[in-house]
Amino acid sequence: MSDSSAQSSGIAARYATALFDLAKEAKKLPAVEKDLDSLDLALDSSADLSSMIASPVYGREEQQAAVTAVAKKMKLTPIVANTLALMATKGRLFILPALITAVKSKIADEKGEVTADVTSAKALTATQAKNLAATLKKSVGKDVIINATVDESLIGGLIVKVGSKMIDSSIRSKLSNLQNAMKEVG
């Protein structure tokens, strides 16, 4: 990890801790979580918003005016709106995606949940996702939220990541392992 990305993640962690603590103290964690989900969606769907928070072309005053307008339009809670405004005045809006991830992680920990990133060859049905979540809950001891993505190159099977653990039962991986084993023999 480069020094600048380590520094950015440290800054994001400090802002995330402050936002989480304020929201918890004010008993506003569910509202803040909803706001962060909305912001995450807005960043994914708006190239202009993503550009504005990341680009050094925009001055701090422009960024503050923009995030204040966005917060008002999205009807964000005062805690989140004020955090965005503070980040803009300090020139720290570029860490917003990392802040969102960090706060959502803290909220999930608070609720006793863990997120599992699941990649499959085709979309999981609701029943399959529910069964997988139940199976993973037995393994990790916490409620599991499934973050599902599709990668058709897997051919079949799943890749499941929970925290630092990864289970790769994809056919692509099994074929690759078989190919490597055959190279060793011949």
Protein backbone atom coordinates (compact mmCIF):
# COMPACT_ATOMS: atom_id res chain seq x y z
CA MET A 1 0.00 0.00 0.00
CA SER A 2 1.43 3.37 -0.92
CA ASP A 3 1.89 6.11 1.66
CA SER A 4 -0.89 8.25 0.19
CA SER A 5 -3.44 5.42 0.17
CA ALA A 6 -2.46 4.45 3.73
CA GLN A 7 -2.86 8.07 4.76
CA SER A 8 -6.24 8.26 2.99
CA SER A 9 -7.50 5.12 4.69
CA GLY A 10 -6.33 6.52 8.05
CA ILE A 11 -8.21 9.76 7.42
CA ALA A 12 -11.32 7.83 6.35
CA ALA A 13 -11.08 5.66 9.49
CA ARG A 14 -10.95 8.72 11.76
CA TYR A 15 -13.95 10.36 10.08
CA ALA A 16 -15.80 7.02 10.10
CA THR A 17 -15.19 6.56 13.82
CA ALA A 18 -16.38 10.09 14.56
CA LEU A 19 -19.51 9.73 12.40
CA PHE A 20 -20.32 6.31 13.86
CA ASP A 21 -19.84 7.52 17.45
CA LEU A 22 -22.02 10.59 16.88
CA ALA A 23 -24.76 8.53 15.25
CA LYS A 24 -24.65 5.90 17.99
CA GLU A 25 -24.78 8.53 20.74
CA ALA A 26 -27.75 10.23 19.05
CA LYS A 27 -29.40 6.82 18.45
CA LYS A 28 -29.46 7.54 14.71
CA LEU A 29 -27.53 4.51 13.37
CA PRO A 30 -30.42 3.22 11.20
CA ALA A 31 -30.97 6.68 9.66
CA VAL A 32 -27.24 7.16 9.04
CA GLU A 33 -27.00 3.69 7.49
CA LYS A 34 -29.88 4.58 5.14
CA ASP A 35 -28.17 7.88 4.24
CA LEU A 36 -24.90 6.10 3.49
CA ASP A 37 -26.67 3.55 1.30
CA SER A 38 -28.27 6.44 -0.60
CA LEU A 39 -24.94 8.24 -0.94
CA ASP A 40 -23.25 5.05 -2.14
CA LEU A 41 -25.94 4.60 -4.78
CA ALA A 42 -25.64 8.27 -5.80
CA LEU A 43 -21.86 7.94 -6.21
CA ASP A 44 -22.32 4.81 -8.34
CA SER A 45 -24.99 6.35 -10.55
CA SER A 46 -23.70 9.92 -10.91
CA ALA A 47 -20.42 10.46 -12.73
CA ASP A 48 -20.71 14.19 -11.95
CA LEU A 49 -20.90 13.57 -8.20
CA SER A 50 -18.02 11.10 -8.28
CA SER A 51 -15.94 13.54 -10.31
CA MET A 52 -16.74 16.44 -7.98
CA ILE A 53 -15.59 14.63 -4.84
CA ALA A 54 -12.41 13.27 -6.44
CA SER A 55 -11.24 16.11 -8.66
CA PRO A 56 -8.77 18.71 -7.38
CA VAL A 57 -10.20 21.12 -9.97
CA TYR A 58 -13.07 21.99 -7.62
CA GLY A 59 -12.26 24.31 -4.74
CA ARG A 60 -13.33 23.66 -1.19
CA GLU A 61 -16.09 26.28 -1.36
CA GLU A 62 -17.49 24.74 -4.55
CA GLN A 63 -17.39 21.28 -3.02
CA GLN A 64 -19.06 22.49 0.17
CA ALA A 65 -21.83 24.20 -1.81
CA ALA A 66 -22.30 21.08 -3.93
CA VAL A 67 -22.46 18.61 -1.01
CA THR A 68 -24.77 20.93 0.91
CA ALA A 69 -27.12 20.99 -2.09
CA VAL A 70 -26.85 17.22 -2.50
CA ALA A 71 -27.52 16.65 1.21
CA LYS A 72 -30.56 18.91 1.08
CA LYS A 73 -31.91 17.30 -2.09
CA MET A 74 -31.36 13.79 -0.69
CA LYS A 75 -32.82 14.83 2.71
CA LEU A 76 -29.81 13.45 4.57
CA THR A 77 -29.74 13.53 8.35
CA PRO A 78 -27.98 16.54 9.91
CA ILE A 79 -25.17 14.27 11.19
CA VAL A 80 -24.31 13.07 7.69
CA ALA A 81 -24.88 16.47 6.06
CA ASN A 82 -22.62 18.19 8.59
CA THR A 83 -19.93 15.51 8.17
CA LEU A 84 -19.99 16.03 4.39
CA ALA A 85 -19.75 19.81 4.83
CA LEU A 86 -16.81 19.44 7.24
CA MET A 87 -15.06 17.05 4.86
CA ALA A 88 -15.53 19.57 2.04
CA THR A 89 -14.11 22.48 4.06
CA LYS A 90 -11.09 20.35 4.98
CA GLY A 91 -10.59 19.14 1.39
CA ARG A 92 -11.33 15.54 2.36
CA LEU A 93 -14.31 14.63 0.17
CA PHE A 94 -12.12 12.27 -1.88
CA ILE A 95 -12.28 9.77 1.02
CA LEU A 96 -16.10 9.58 0.92
CA PRO A 97 -16.26 6.07 -0.63
CA ALA A 98 -13.82 4.73 2.00
CA LEU A 99 -15.78 6.52 4.75
CA ILE A 100 -19.05 4.94 3.58
CA THR A 101 -17.49 1.47 3.59
CA ALA A 102 -15.91 1.96 7.02
CA VAL A 103 -19.06 3.31 8.70
CA LYS A 104 -21.25 0.60 7.18
CA SER A 105 -18.77 -1.98 8.49
CA LYS A 106 -18.93 -0.47 12.00
CA ILE A 107 -22.74 -0.47 11.88
CA ALA A 108 -22.78 -4.12 10.75
CA ASP A 109 -20.45 -5.04 13.62
CA GLU A 110 -22.72 -3.18 16.03
CA LYS A 111 -25.71 -5.17 14.74
CA GLY A 112 -23.78 -8.47 14.88
CA GLU A 113 -23.74 -8.83 11.11
CA VAL A 114 -21.04 -9.67 8.62
CA THR A 115 -21.09 -9.20 4.86
CA ALA A 116 -20.22 -12.06 2.54
CA ASP A 117 -19.14 -11.20 -1.00
CA VAL A 118 -20.49 -14.00 -3.16
CA THR A 119 -19.60 -14.36 -6.81
CA SER A 120 -21.52 -16.92 -8.85
CA ALA A 121 -21.73 -17.97 -12.49
CA LYS A 122 -25.41 -16.99 -12.59
CA ALA A 123 -27.62 -14.91 -10.33
CA LEU A 124 -28.61 -16.56 -7.06
CA THR A 125 -32.30 -17.07 -6.43
CA ALA A 126 -33.79 -15.66 -3.23
CA THR A 127 -33.98 -19.20 -1.80
CA GLN A 128 -30.35 -19.94 -2.67
CA ALA A 129 -29.20 -16.65 -1.09
CA LYS A 130 -31.25 -17.37 2.04
CA ASN A 131 -29.85 -20.91 2.35
CA LEU A 132 -26.29 -19.71 1.77
CA ALA A 133 -26.73 -16.98 4.42
CA ALA A 134 -28.02 -19.59 6.89
CA THR A 135 -25.12 -21.93 6.16
CA LEU A 136 -22.57 -19.13 6.52
CA LYS A 137 -24.21 -17.99 9.77
CA LYS A 138 -23.50 -21.42 11.26
CA SER A 139 -19.87 -21.09 10.21
CA VAL A 140 -19.16 -17.49 11.32
CA GLY A 141 -21.63 -17.19 14.19
CA LYS A 142 -23.13 -13.91 13.00
CA ASP A 143 -25.99 -12.89 10.75
CA VAL A 144 -24.70 -12.79 7.17
CA ILE A 145 -25.66 -10.22 4.57
CA ILE A 146 -25.05 -11.53 1.04
CA ASN A 147 -23.45 -9.12 -1.44
CA ALA A 148 -23.97 -11.09 -4.65
CA THR A 149 -22.29 -10.51 -8.00
CA VAL A 150 -22.30 -12.55 -11.21
CA ASP A 151 -19.20 -13.63 -13.15
CA GLU A 152 -20.13 -15.96 -16.01
CA SER A 153 -16.48 -16.92 -16.51
CA LEU A 154 -16.71 -19.06 -13.35
CA ILE A 155 -18.69 -21.63 -15.40
CA GLY A 156 -20.35 -22.87 -12.19
CA GLY A 157 -19.95 -22.90 -8.42
CA LEU A 158 -19.27 -20.00 -6.07
CA ILE A 159 -16.54 -17.80 -4.68
CA VAL A 160 -17.40 -16.69 -1.14
CA LYS A 161 -15.39 -14.09 0.80
CA VAL A 162 -16.23 -13.45 4.45
CA GLY A 163 -13.73 -11.14 6.10
CA SER A 164 -10.28 -12.51 5.36
CA LYS A 165 -11.55 -16.01 4.50
CA MET A 166 -12.21 -17.05 0.91
CA ILE A 167 -13.82 -20.24 -0.33
CA ASP A 168 -13.44 -20.84 -4.06
CA SER A 169 -15.58 -23.74 -5.26
CA SER A 170 -15.90 -22.47 -8.81
CA ILE A 171 -15.47 -24.84 -11.72
CA ARG A 172 -12.97 -22.40 -13.27
CA SER A 173 -10.78 -22.72 -10.15
CA LYS A 174 -11.09 -26.51 -10.10
CA LEU A 175 -10.11 -26.71 -13.79
CA SER A 176 -7.16 -24.42 -13.14
CA ASN A 177 -6.02 -26.58 -10.22
CA LEU A 178 -6.36 -29.71 -12.37
CA GLN A 179 -4.36 -28.06 -15.15
CA ASN A 180 -1.58 -27.15 -12.69
CA ALA A 181 -1.54 -30.70 -11.30
CA MET A 182 -1.25 -32.12 -14.82
CA LYS A 183 1.68 -29.79 -15.59
CA GLU A 184 3.51 -31.10 -12.51
CA VAL A 185 3.04 -34.70 -13.59
CA GLY A 186 4.02 -34.28 -17.22
